[in-house]
């Protein structure tokens, strides 16, 4: 009779779960605070493949939930301190790059800078997937929606750069200035839609 050996199951501490969830919520909040859908953003010509603004909230909610599940699964599978340290650093760098993208695009109004920064964000997700896959392939797969979404968002970002050459690398424009059509007609600005 053949028996298979399975290592004893370990229970993840509640503190680890709560810390992971709190970190993900904090990143989401900081990124949201940096996202300013104002006159400058509404004046940009957007690529045709960009979804409506309302779709970004649900998409990012799903992505952050998947990221939390991946982080907890990876942490649980890692038994060596150096693996946990590497993953902690990897997720921290990814979080900073995620927030930085919103700051560059929305707060500093530098779509070109954000378009270059998104490569680093994408690379940080790919690194996490490859690193986590060695410890827990299922946890690594939870990051695939994040990688796919950032790939898609990068095309939107580069579309904005292409369609708005004067805004792509310029500094902050006068956010109090309304588009000429609004000044002439008195109509409110028409939303062209939000955060890639």
N, C-alpha and C. Protein backbone atom coordinates (compact mmCIF):
# COMPACT_ATOMS: atom_id res chain seq x y z
N UNK A 1 0.85 -1.18 0.00
CA UNK A 1 0.00 0.00 0.00
C UNK A 1 0.89 1.24 0.00
N UNK A 2 0.57 2.16 -0.91
CA UNK A 2 1.36 3.38 -1.03
C UNK A 2 0.65 4.52 -0.30
N UNK A 3 1.43 5.22 0.46
CA UNK A 3 0.86 6.40 1.13
C UNK A 3 1.62 7.63 0.67
N UNK A 4 0.91 8.72 0.58
CA UNK A 4 1.58 9.97 0.20
C UNK A 4 1.77 10.82 1.44
N UNK A 5 2.86 11.52 1.43
CA UNK A 5 3.17 12.39 2.56
C UNK A 5 2.74 13.81 2.24
N UNK A 6 2.05 14.41 3.15
CA UNK A 6 1.73 15.83 3.00
C UNK A 6 2.17 16.54 4.26
N UNK A 7 2.80 17.71 4.09
CA UNK A 7 3.29 18.41 5.26
C UNK A 7 2.15 18.84 6.15
N UNK A 8 2.39 18.99 7.43
CA UNK A 8 1.33 19.42 8.33
C UNK A 8 0.82 20.79 7.93
N UNK A 9 -0.48 20.94 7.98
CA UNK A 9 -1.05 22.24 7.58
C UNK A 9 -0.81 23.26 8.69
N UNK A 10 -0.51 24.47 8.24
CA UNK A 10 -0.30 25.57 9.19
C UNK A 10 -1.45 26.54 9.05
N UNK A 11 -1.89 27.06 10.15
CA UNK A 11 -2.95 28.05 10.14
C UNK A 11 -2.31 29.43 10.05
N UNK A 12 -2.78 30.25 9.11
CA UNK A 12 -2.25 31.60 9.00
C UNK A 12 -2.77 32.44 10.16
N UNK A 13 -1.89 33.14 10.85
CA UNK A 13 -2.34 33.96 11.98
C UNK A 13 -3.32 35.05 11.52
N UNK A 14 -4.30 35.32 12.35
CA UNK A 14 -5.28 36.35 12.04
C UNK A 14 -4.59 37.70 11.85
N UNK A 15 -3.56 37.95 12.63
CA UNK A 15 -2.82 39.22 12.52
C UNK A 15 -2.23 39.40 11.12
N UNK A 16 -1.72 38.32 10.54
CA UNK A 16 -1.16 38.38 9.19
C UNK A 16 -2.25 38.69 8.17
N UNK A 17 -3.39 38.05 8.31
CA UNK A 17 -4.51 38.30 7.40
C UNK A 17 -4.96 39.76 7.48
N UNK A 18 -5.14 40.25 8.72
CA UNK A 18 -5.61 41.63 8.90
C UNK A 18 -4.59 42.64 8.41
N UNK A 19 -3.30 42.35 8.61
CA UNK A 19 -2.25 43.25 8.14
C UNK A 19 -2.26 43.33 6.62
N UNK A 20 -2.41 42.18 5.97
CA UNK A 20 -2.45 42.14 4.51
C UNK A 20 -3.64 42.93 3.98
N UNK A 21 -4.80 42.70 4.56
CA UNK A 21 -6.01 43.40 4.12
C UNK A 21 -5.87 44.90 4.34
N UNK A 22 -5.34 45.28 5.50
CA UNK A 22 -5.16 46.71 5.80
C UNK A 22 -4.19 47.36 4.82
N UNK A 23 -3.11 46.65 4.47
CA UNK A 23 -2.14 47.20 3.53
C UNK A 23 -2.77 47.40 2.16
N UNK A 24 -3.56 46.43 1.70
CA UNK A 24 -4.21 46.54 0.40
C UNK A 24 -5.22 47.68 0.39
N UNK A 25 -5.98 47.82 1.45
CA UNK A 25 -6.96 48.91 1.55
C UNK A 25 -6.25 50.26 1.56
N UNK A 26 -5.13 50.35 2.28
CA UNK A 26 -4.36 51.60 2.33
C UNK A 26 -3.85 51.99 0.95
N UNK A 27 -3.31 51.04 0.20
CA UNK A 27 -2.83 51.32 -1.15
C UNK A 27 -3.98 51.79 -2.04
N UNK A 28 -5.12 51.12 -1.94
CA UNK A 28 -6.29 51.51 -2.73
C UNK A 28 -6.74 52.92 -2.38
N UNK A 29 -6.75 53.25 -1.09
CA UNK A 29 -7.18 54.58 -0.66
C UNK A 29 -6.21 55.66 -1.14
N UNK A 30 -4.91 55.42 -0.99
CA UNK A 30 -3.92 56.42 -1.42
C UNK A 30 -3.96 56.62 -2.93
N UNK A 31 -4.11 55.53 -3.67
CA UNK A 31 -4.24 55.65 -5.12
C UNK A 31 -5.50 56.41 -5.50
N UNK A 32 -6.59 56.14 -4.77
CA UNK A 32 -7.84 56.86 -5.03
C UNK A 32 -7.74 58.33 -4.72
N UNK A 33 -7.05 58.68 -3.63
CA UNK A 33 -6.88 60.08 -3.27
C UNK A 33 -6.04 60.83 -4.30
N UNK A 34 -5.12 60.12 -4.95
CA UNK A 34 -4.26 60.75 -5.96
C UNK A 34 -4.97 60.87 -7.31
N UNK A 35 -6.12 60.22 -7.45
CA UNK A 35 -6.85 60.24 -8.72
C UNK A 35 -7.81 61.42 -8.72
N UNK A 36 -7.50 62.41 -9.55
CA UNK A 36 -8.29 63.63 -9.61
C UNK A 36 -8.96 63.74 -10.98
N UNK A 37 -10.26 63.49 -11.02
CA UNK A 37 -11.01 63.58 -12.27
C UNK A 37 -11.52 65.01 -12.38
N UNK A 38 -10.64 65.91 -12.78
CA UNK A 38 -10.99 67.33 -12.88
C UNK A 38 -11.02 67.80 -14.33
N UNK A 39 -10.98 69.11 -14.48
CA UNK A 39 -11.09 69.73 -15.79
C UNK A 39 -9.96 69.28 -16.72
N UNK A 40 -8.73 69.21 -16.17
CA UNK A 40 -7.60 68.79 -17.00
C UNK A 40 -7.84 67.41 -17.58
N UNK A 41 -8.21 66.47 -16.73
CA UNK A 41 -8.44 65.10 -17.19
C UNK A 41 -9.58 65.04 -18.19
N UNK A 42 -10.66 65.74 -17.90
CA UNK A 42 -11.83 65.71 -18.78
C UNK A 42 -11.56 66.36 -20.13
N UNK A 43 -10.53 67.20 -20.20
CA UNK A 43 -10.19 67.85 -21.47
C UNK A 43 -9.32 66.97 -22.37
N UNK A 44 -8.80 65.86 -21.84
CA UNK A 44 -7.95 64.98 -22.63
C UNK A 44 -8.76 64.18 -23.64
N UNK A 45 -8.19 63.98 -24.81
CA UNK A 45 -8.77 63.08 -25.79
C UNK A 45 -8.39 61.67 -25.37
N UNK A 46 -9.37 60.80 -25.22
CA UNK A 46 -9.13 59.44 -24.74
C UNK A 46 -9.17 58.45 -25.90
N UNK A 47 -8.40 57.37 -25.83
CA UNK A 47 -8.47 56.36 -26.88
C UNK A 47 -9.83 55.67 -26.87
N UNK A 48 -10.24 55.16 -28.02
CA UNK A 48 -11.57 54.59 -28.15
C UNK A 48 -11.77 53.34 -27.32
N UNK A 49 -10.68 52.66 -26.97
CA UNK A 49 -10.81 51.39 -26.23
C UNK A 49 -10.87 51.58 -24.72
N UNK A 50 -10.85 52.81 -24.26
CA UNK A 50 -10.92 53.06 -22.82
C UNK A 50 -12.36 52.85 -22.34
N UNK A 51 -12.53 52.08 -21.25
CA UNK A 51 -13.89 51.86 -20.73
C UNK A 51 -14.42 53.12 -20.03
N UNK A 52 -15.71 53.16 -19.74
CA UNK A 52 -16.26 54.31 -19.02
C UNK A 52 -15.69 54.40 -17.60
N UNK A 53 -15.70 55.60 -17.05
CA UNK A 53 -15.11 55.83 -15.73
C UNK A 53 -15.66 54.91 -14.65
N UNK A 54 -16.95 54.63 -14.70
CA UNK A 54 -17.57 53.83 -13.63
C UNK A 54 -16.98 52.42 -13.57
N UNK A 55 -16.38 51.94 -14.65
CA UNK A 55 -15.84 50.57 -14.67
C UNK A 55 -14.54 50.43 -13.88
N UNK A 56 -13.85 51.54 -13.64
CA UNK A 56 -12.55 51.44 -12.98
C UNK A 56 -12.65 51.06 -11.50
N UNK A 57 -13.65 51.57 -10.82
CA UNK A 57 -13.84 51.23 -9.40
C UNK A 57 -14.03 49.74 -9.18
N UNK A 58 -15.01 49.11 -9.85
CA UNK A 58 -15.18 47.66 -9.70
C UNK A 58 -13.94 46.87 -10.13
N UNK A 59 -13.29 47.30 -11.22
CA UNK A 59 -12.12 46.57 -11.71
C UNK A 59 -11.00 46.58 -10.67
N UNK A 60 -10.72 47.76 -10.11
CA UNK A 60 -9.66 47.85 -9.12
C UNK A 60 -10.03 47.13 -7.83
N UNK A 61 -11.31 47.10 -7.48
CA UNK A 61 -11.74 46.36 -6.29
C UNK A 61 -11.43 44.88 -6.44
N UNK A 62 -11.75 44.33 -7.61
CA UNK A 62 -11.46 42.92 -7.87
C UNK A 62 -9.95 42.68 -7.85
N UNK A 63 -9.19 43.57 -8.49
CA UNK A 63 -7.73 43.41 -8.56
C UNK A 63 -7.11 43.46 -7.17
N UNK A 64 -7.52 44.40 -6.34
CA UNK A 64 -6.96 44.48 -4.99
C UNK A 64 -7.35 43.27 -4.15
N UNK A 65 -8.56 42.76 -4.34
CA UNK A 65 -8.96 41.54 -3.61
C UNK A 65 -8.09 40.36 -4.05
N UNK A 66 -7.86 40.23 -5.34
CA UNK A 66 -7.00 39.15 -5.85
C UNK A 66 -5.57 39.29 -5.31
N UNK A 67 -5.09 40.54 -5.23
CA UNK A 67 -3.75 40.78 -4.72
C UNK A 67 -3.64 40.37 -3.26
N UNK A 68 -4.66 40.67 -2.48
CA UNK A 68 -4.65 40.29 -1.06
C UNK A 68 -4.64 38.77 -0.92
N UNK A 69 -5.45 38.08 -1.72
CA UNK A 69 -5.49 36.61 -1.67
C UNK A 69 -4.13 36.04 -2.05
N UNK A 70 -3.53 36.60 -3.08
CA UNK A 70 -2.21 36.14 -3.51
C UNK A 70 -1.17 36.34 -2.42
N UNK A 71 -1.18 37.53 -1.82
CA UNK A 71 -0.19 37.83 -0.78
C UNK A 71 -0.33 36.89 0.41
N UNK A 72 -1.56 36.63 0.83
CA UNK A 72 -1.77 35.73 1.96
C UNK A 72 -1.36 34.29 1.62
N UNK A 73 -1.68 33.86 0.40
CA UNK A 73 -1.30 32.51 -0.02
C UNK A 73 0.21 32.35 -0.12
N UNK A 74 0.87 33.38 -0.62
CA UNK A 74 2.32 33.32 -0.76
C UNK A 74 2.99 33.34 0.62
N UNK A 75 2.50 34.21 1.48
CA UNK A 75 3.07 34.31 2.84
C UNK A 75 2.91 32.98 3.59
N UNK A 76 1.75 32.39 3.43
CA UNK A 76 1.46 31.13 4.11
C UNK A 76 2.37 30.00 3.60
N UNK A 77 2.67 30.03 2.29
CA UNK A 77 3.50 28.97 1.70
C UNK A 77 4.99 29.15 2.01
N UNK A 78 5.39 30.39 2.27
CA UNK A 78 6.81 30.65 2.52
C UNK A 78 7.18 30.22 3.94
N UNK A 79 8.15 29.35 4.04
CA UNK A 79 8.58 28.90 5.37
C UNK A 79 9.90 29.54 5.78
N UNK A 80 10.65 30.02 4.79
CA UNK A 80 11.93 30.64 5.10
C UNK A 80 11.75 32.15 5.24
N UNK A 81 12.47 32.71 6.20
CA UNK A 81 12.38 34.16 6.43
C UNK A 81 12.80 34.95 5.21
N UNK A 82 13.81 34.48 4.50
CA UNK A 82 14.28 35.24 3.33
C UNK A 82 13.23 35.28 2.23
N UNK A 83 12.41 34.23 2.09
CA UNK A 83 11.34 34.25 1.10
C UNK A 83 10.26 35.25 1.50
N UNK A 84 9.92 35.26 2.77
CA UNK A 84 8.92 36.22 3.25
C UNK A 84 9.42 37.65 3.12
N UNK A 85 10.70 37.85 3.42
CA UNK A 85 11.28 39.19 3.30
C UNK A 85 11.25 39.64 1.84
N UNK A 86 11.64 38.77 0.92
CA UNK A 86 11.65 39.11 -0.51
C UNK A 86 10.25 39.45 -0.99
N UNK A 87 9.26 38.67 -0.58
CA UNK A 87 7.89 38.95 -0.99
C UNK A 87 7.37 40.25 -0.38
N UNK A 88 7.72 40.48 0.88
CA UNK A 88 7.32 41.73 1.52
C UNK A 88 7.87 42.94 0.78
N UNK A 89 9.15 42.86 0.42
CA UNK A 89 9.77 43.95 -0.34
C UNK A 89 9.10 44.07 -1.72
N UNK A 90 8.85 42.93 -2.36
CA UNK A 90 8.23 42.95 -3.69
C UNK A 90 6.85 43.58 -3.68
N UNK A 91 6.03 43.22 -2.70
CA UNK A 91 4.69 43.82 -2.61
C UNK A 91 4.76 45.30 -2.22
N UNK A 92 5.72 45.67 -1.38
CA UNK A 92 5.88 47.08 -0.99
C UNK A 92 6.29 47.93 -2.19
N UNK A 93 7.24 47.45 -2.97
CA UNK A 93 7.67 48.18 -4.17
C UNK A 93 6.51 48.30 -5.15
N UNK A 94 5.76 47.22 -5.32
CA UNK A 94 4.61 47.26 -6.21
C UNK A 94 3.57 48.27 -5.74
N UNK A 95 3.33 48.31 -4.44
CA UNK A 95 2.36 49.27 -3.90
C UNK A 95 2.80 50.70 -4.17
N UNK A 96 4.07 50.99 -3.94
CA UNK A 96 4.58 52.34 -4.19
C UNK A 96 4.47 52.72 -5.67
N UNK A 97 4.78 51.78 -6.55
CA UNK A 97 4.68 52.05 -7.98
C UNK A 97 3.22 52.25 -8.40
N UNK A 98 2.31 51.52 -7.78
CA UNK A 98 0.89 51.66 -8.08
C UNK A 98 0.41 53.07 -7.72
N UNK A 99 0.77 53.52 -6.53
CA UNK A 99 0.38 54.87 -6.09
C UNK A 99 1.08 55.94 -6.93
N UNK A 100 2.36 55.71 -7.23
CA UNK A 100 3.13 56.69 -8.01
C UNK A 100 2.51 56.93 -9.38
N UNK A 101 1.96 55.88 -9.98
CA UNK A 101 1.35 56.08 -11.30
C UNK A 101 0.23 57.12 -11.22
N UNK A 102 -0.63 57.01 -10.21
CA UNK A 102 -1.75 57.96 -10.06
C UNK A 102 -1.23 59.37 -9.81
N UNK A 103 -0.18 59.47 -9.00
CA UNK A 103 0.40 60.78 -8.71
C UNK A 103 0.94 61.41 -9.99
N UNK A 104 1.69 60.64 -10.77
CA UNK A 104 2.27 61.18 -12.00
C UNK A 104 1.19 61.58 -13.01
N UNK A 105 0.21 60.72 -13.20
CA UNK A 105 -0.80 60.98 -14.22
C UNK A 105 -1.78 62.07 -13.79
N UNK A 106 -2.34 61.94 -12.60
CA UNK A 106 -3.42 62.84 -12.19
C UNK A 106 -2.94 64.08 -11.45
N UNK A 107 -2.10 63.91 -10.44
CA UNK A 107 -1.69 65.06 -9.63
C UNK A 107 -0.69 65.94 -10.37
N UNK A 108 0.34 65.33 -10.96
CA UNK A 108 1.35 66.10 -11.67
C UNK A 108 0.98 66.35 -13.12
N UNK A 109 -0.05 65.65 -13.60
CA UNK A 109 -0.55 65.80 -14.97
C UNK A 109 0.56 65.57 -15.99
N UNK A 110 1.27 64.45 -15.81
CA UNK A 110 2.38 64.07 -16.69
C UNK A 110 2.10 62.69 -17.29
N UNK A 111 1.24 62.59 -18.28
CA UNK A 111 0.92 61.29 -18.86
C UNK A 111 2.14 60.55 -19.42
N UNK A 112 3.10 61.28 -19.99
CA UNK A 112 4.28 60.62 -20.54
C UNK A 112 5.12 59.99 -19.43
N UNK A 113 5.29 60.70 -18.34
CA UNK A 113 6.04 60.13 -17.20
C UNK A 113 5.33 58.88 -16.69
N UNK A 114 4.00 58.97 -16.57
CA UNK A 114 3.22 57.82 -16.09
C UNK A 114 3.33 56.64 -17.07
N UNK A 115 3.38 56.96 -18.38
CA UNK A 115 3.48 55.89 -19.39
C UNK A 115 4.81 55.14 -19.27
N UNK A 116 5.87 55.84 -18.92
CA UNK A 116 7.15 55.15 -18.71
C UNK A 116 7.16 54.42 -17.36
N UNK A 117 6.55 55.03 -16.35
CA UNK A 117 6.51 54.41 -15.02
C UNK A 117 5.72 53.10 -15.03
N UNK A 118 4.71 53.01 -15.90
CA UNK A 118 3.87 51.81 -15.92
C UNK A 118 4.67 50.56 -16.29
N UNK A 119 5.79 50.73 -17.01
CA UNK A 119 6.65 49.57 -17.30
C UNK A 119 7.23 49.00 -16.02
N UNK A 120 7.63 49.89 -15.11
CA UNK A 120 8.17 49.43 -13.82
C UNK A 120 7.08 48.75 -13.00
N UNK A 121 5.87 49.31 -13.03
CA UNK A 121 4.74 48.70 -12.32
C UNK A 121 4.47 47.30 -12.88
N UNK A 122 4.44 47.18 -14.19
CA UNK A 122 4.20 45.89 -14.84
C UNK A 122 5.30 44.89 -14.46
N UNK A 123 6.55 45.35 -14.48
CA UNK A 123 7.68 44.47 -14.15
C UNK A 123 7.59 43.99 -12.70
N UNK A 124 7.13 44.86 -11.80
CA UNK A 124 7.02 44.45 -10.39
C UNK A 124 5.96 43.36 -10.21
N UNK A 125 4.89 43.43 -10.97
CA UNK A 125 3.86 42.38 -10.90
C UNK A 125 4.41 41.08 -11.48
N UNK A 126 5.08 41.17 -12.63
CA UNK A 126 5.66 39.97 -13.24
C UNK A 126 6.68 39.32 -12.31
N UNK A 127 7.50 40.14 -11.63
CA UNK A 127 8.48 39.59 -10.69
C UNK A 127 7.78 38.85 -9.56
N UNK A 128 6.71 39.45 -9.01
CA UNK A 128 5.96 38.80 -7.94
C UNK A 128 5.39 37.46 -8.40
N UNK A 129 4.83 37.42 -9.60
CA UNK A 129 4.25 36.18 -10.11
C UNK A 129 5.33 35.10 -10.21
N UNK A 130 6.47 35.45 -10.78
CA UNK A 130 7.54 34.47 -10.94
C UNK A 130 8.09 34.00 -9.60
N UNK A 131 8.22 34.93 -8.66
CA UNK A 131 8.77 34.58 -7.33
C UNK A 131 7.78 33.71 -6.55
N UNK A 132 6.51 34.11 -6.57
CA UNK A 132 5.50 33.39 -5.80
C UNK A 132 5.21 32.01 -6.41
N UNK A 133 5.33 31.92 -7.73
CA UNK A 133 5.04 30.65 -8.40
C UNK A 133 5.91 29.50 -7.87
N UNK A 134 7.12 29.82 -7.45
CA UNK A 134 8.01 28.79 -6.90
C UNK A 134 7.51 28.26 -5.56
N UNK A 135 6.76 29.08 -4.83
CA UNK A 135 6.28 28.70 -3.51
C UNK A 135 4.84 28.19 -3.52
N UNK A 136 4.01 28.86 -4.33
CA UNK A 136 2.59 28.54 -4.34
C UNK A 136 2.01 28.96 -5.69
N UNK A 137 1.97 28.06 -6.67
CA UNK A 137 1.48 28.41 -8.00
C UNK A 137 0.06 29.00 -8.00
N UNK A 138 -0.78 28.50 -7.12
CA UNK A 138 -2.16 29.02 -7.05
C UNK A 138 -2.15 30.48 -6.62
N UNK A 139 -1.32 30.84 -5.66
CA UNK A 139 -1.22 32.24 -5.21
C UNK A 139 -0.70 33.13 -6.31
N UNK A 140 0.24 32.62 -7.11
CA UNK A 140 0.78 33.39 -8.23
C UNK A 140 -0.31 33.68 -9.27
N UNK A 141 -1.18 32.71 -9.50
CA UNK A 141 -2.25 32.90 -10.50
C UNK A 141 -3.23 34.00 -10.09
N UNK A 142 -3.37 34.25 -8.80
CA UNK A 142 -4.27 35.31 -8.35
C UNK A 142 -3.78 36.69 -8.79
N UNK A 143 -2.51 36.81 -9.19
CA UNK A 143 -1.97 38.09 -9.66
C UNK A 143 -2.16 38.30 -11.17
N UNK A 144 -2.59 37.28 -11.88
CA UNK A 144 -2.75 37.42 -13.33
C UNK A 144 -3.77 38.50 -13.72
N UNK A 145 -4.93 38.63 -13.04
CA UNK A 145 -5.83 39.74 -13.40
C UNK A 145 -5.17 41.12 -13.26
N UNK A 146 -4.32 41.27 -12.25
CA UNK A 146 -3.59 42.52 -12.04
C UNK A 146 -2.66 42.79 -13.21
N UNK A 147 -1.91 41.77 -13.62
CA UNK A 147 -0.97 41.92 -14.74
C UNK A 147 -1.70 42.24 -16.04
N UNK A 148 -2.81 41.57 -16.27
CA UNK A 148 -3.59 41.81 -17.48
C UNK A 148 -4.17 43.22 -17.47
N UNK A 149 -4.70 43.64 -16.33
CA UNK A 149 -5.29 44.98 -16.24
C UNK A 149 -4.25 46.07 -16.44
N UNK A 150 -3.08 45.92 -15.83
CA UNK A 150 -2.03 46.93 -15.98
C UNK A 150 -1.53 46.96 -17.43
N UNK A 151 -1.48 45.80 -18.08
CA UNK A 151 -1.10 45.77 -19.50
C UNK A 151 -2.11 46.56 -20.33
N UNK A 152 -3.37 46.35 -20.06
CA UNK A 152 -4.44 47.07 -20.75
C UNK A 152 -4.39 48.57 -20.42
N UNK A 153 -4.21 48.89 -19.14
CA UNK A 153 -4.14 50.29 -18.73
C UNK A 153 -2.95 51.00 -19.37
N UNK A 154 -1.85 50.27 -19.57
CA UNK A 154 -0.68 50.87 -20.21
C UNK A 154 -1.01 51.29 -21.64
N UNK A 155 -1.81 50.49 -22.34
CA UNK A 155 -2.18 50.88 -23.71
C UNK A 155 -3.05 52.13 -23.69
N UNK A 156 -3.90 52.26 -22.68
CA UNK A 156 -4.72 53.46 -22.57
C UNK A 156 -3.83 54.66 -22.28
N UNK A 157 -2.89 54.51 -21.36
CA UNK A 157 -1.97 55.59 -21.01
C UNK A 157 -1.19 56.06 -22.24
N UNK A 158 -0.64 55.11 -23.01
CA UNK A 158 0.10 55.48 -24.20
C UNK A 158 -0.83 56.06 -25.27
N UNK A 159 -2.09 55.62 -25.30
CA UNK A 159 -3.07 56.23 -26.20
C UNK A 159 -3.31 57.69 -25.86
N UNK A 160 -3.38 58.00 -24.57
CA UNK A 160 -3.55 59.39 -24.13
C UNK A 160 -2.34 60.22 -24.55
N UNK A 161 -1.15 59.65 -24.38
CA UNK A 161 0.07 60.37 -24.79
C UNK A 161 0.03 60.65 -26.29
N UNK A 162 -0.34 59.66 -27.07
CA UNK A 162 -0.38 59.80 -28.53
C UNK A 162 -1.43 60.82 -28.97
N UNK A 163 -2.60 60.80 -28.34
CA UNK A 163 -3.71 61.66 -28.76
C UNK A 163 -3.63 63.08 -28.19
N UNK A 164 -2.77 63.28 -27.21
CA UNK A 164 -2.64 64.60 -26.57
C UNK A 164 -1.17 65.00 -26.50
N UNK A 165 -0.53 65.21 -27.64
CA UNK A 165 0.91 65.48 -27.62
C UNK A 165 1.30 66.73 -26.83
N UNK A 166 0.44 67.74 -26.82
CA UNK A 166 0.80 68.97 -26.10
C UNK A 166 0.68 68.78 -24.59
N UNK A 167 -0.15 67.84 -24.15
CA UNK A 167 -0.33 67.58 -22.72
C UNK A 167 0.58 66.48 -22.19
N UNK A 168 1.11 65.67 -23.10
CA UNK A 168 1.83 64.47 -22.70
C UNK A 168 3.00 64.74 -21.78
N UNK A 169 3.80 65.73 -22.10
CA UNK A 169 4.98 65.98 -21.27
C UNK A 169 4.97 67.36 -20.66
N UNK A 170 3.96 68.16 -20.96
CA UNK A 170 3.89 69.50 -20.41
C UNK A 170 3.59 69.48 -18.93
N UNK A 171 3.82 70.60 -18.28
CA UNK A 171 3.55 70.70 -16.84
C UNK A 171 2.07 70.82 -16.60
N UNK A 172 1.75 71.16 -15.38
CA UNK A 172 0.34 71.34 -15.03
C UNK A 172 -0.25 72.46 -15.85
N UNK A 173 -1.39 72.17 -16.43
CA UNK A 173 -2.09 73.22 -17.13
C UNK A 173 -2.94 73.98 -16.12
N UNK A 174 -3.50 75.09 -16.55
CA UNK A 174 -4.35 75.87 -15.66
C UNK A 174 -5.65 75.13 -15.49
N UNK A 175 -5.81 74.46 -14.35
CA UNK A 175 -6.99 73.61 -14.15
C UNK A 175 -8.26 74.43 -14.00
N UNK A 176 -8.13 75.75 -13.83
CA UNK A 176 -9.34 76.57 -13.72
C UNK A 176 -9.84 76.98 -15.10
N UNK A 177 -9.00 76.81 -16.12
CA UNK A 177 -9.42 77.19 -17.47
C UNK A 177 -10.33 76.11 -18.04
N UNK A 178 -11.47 76.52 -18.56
CA UNK A 178 -12.41 75.59 -19.15
C UNK A 178 -12.11 75.47 -20.64
N UNK A 179 -12.44 74.35 -21.25
CA UNK A 179 -12.27 74.24 -22.70
C UNK A 179 -13.02 75.33 -23.42
N UNK A 180 -12.51 75.73 -24.58
CA UNK A 180 -13.08 76.85 -25.32
C UNK A 180 -14.55 76.62 -25.63
N UNK A 181 -14.95 75.42 -25.96
CA UNK A 181 -16.35 75.17 -26.29
C UNK A 181 -17.26 75.41 -25.10
N UNK A 182 -16.74 75.16 -23.89
CA UNK A 182 -17.55 75.38 -22.70
C UNK A 182 -17.73 76.87 -22.47
N UNK A 183 -16.66 77.63 -22.66
CA UNK A 183 -16.73 79.08 -22.44
C UNK A 183 -17.69 79.71 -23.44
N UNK A 184 -17.66 79.27 -24.69
CA UNK A 184 -18.52 79.85 -25.72
C UNK A 184 -19.99 79.49 -25.51
N UNK A 185 -20.24 78.22 -25.17
CA UNK A 185 -21.63 77.78 -25.11
C UNK A 185 -22.22 77.84 -23.71
N UNK A 186 -21.36 77.83 -22.71
CA UNK A 186 -21.85 77.82 -21.35
C UNK A 186 -22.25 76.44 -20.87
N UNK A 187 -22.07 75.42 -21.72
CA UNK A 187 -22.40 74.06 -21.33
C UNK A 187 -21.36 73.52 -20.36
N UNK A 188 -21.77 72.62 -19.47
CA UNK A 188 -20.77 71.99 -18.58
C UNK A 188 -19.86 71.09 -19.40
N UNK A 189 -18.65 70.85 -18.89
CA UNK A 189 -17.74 69.97 -19.63
C UNK A 189 -18.33 68.57 -19.77
N UNK A 190 -18.10 67.97 -20.92
CA UNK A 190 -18.59 66.62 -21.19
C UNK A 190 -17.50 65.64 -20.79
N UNK A 191 -17.85 64.69 -19.95
CA UNK A 191 -16.88 63.69 -19.49
C UNK A 191 -16.48 62.80 -20.64
N UNK A 192 -15.16 62.70 -20.83
CA UNK A 192 -14.67 61.74 -21.82
C UNK A 192 -14.18 60.50 -21.10
N UNK A 193 -14.44 60.45 -19.87
CA UNK A 193 -14.20 59.33 -19.00
C UNK A 193 -12.92 59.32 -18.24
N UNK A 194 -12.02 57.57 -16.86
CA UNK A 194 -11.16 57.83 -15.69
C UNK A 194 -9.97 56.94 -15.60
N UNK A 195 -9.48 56.75 -14.45
CA UNK A 195 -8.16 56.18 -14.18
C UNK A 195 -7.91 54.86 -14.92
N UNK A 196 -6.92 54.86 -15.82
CA UNK A 196 -6.55 53.59 -16.43
C UNK A 196 -5.94 52.65 -15.49
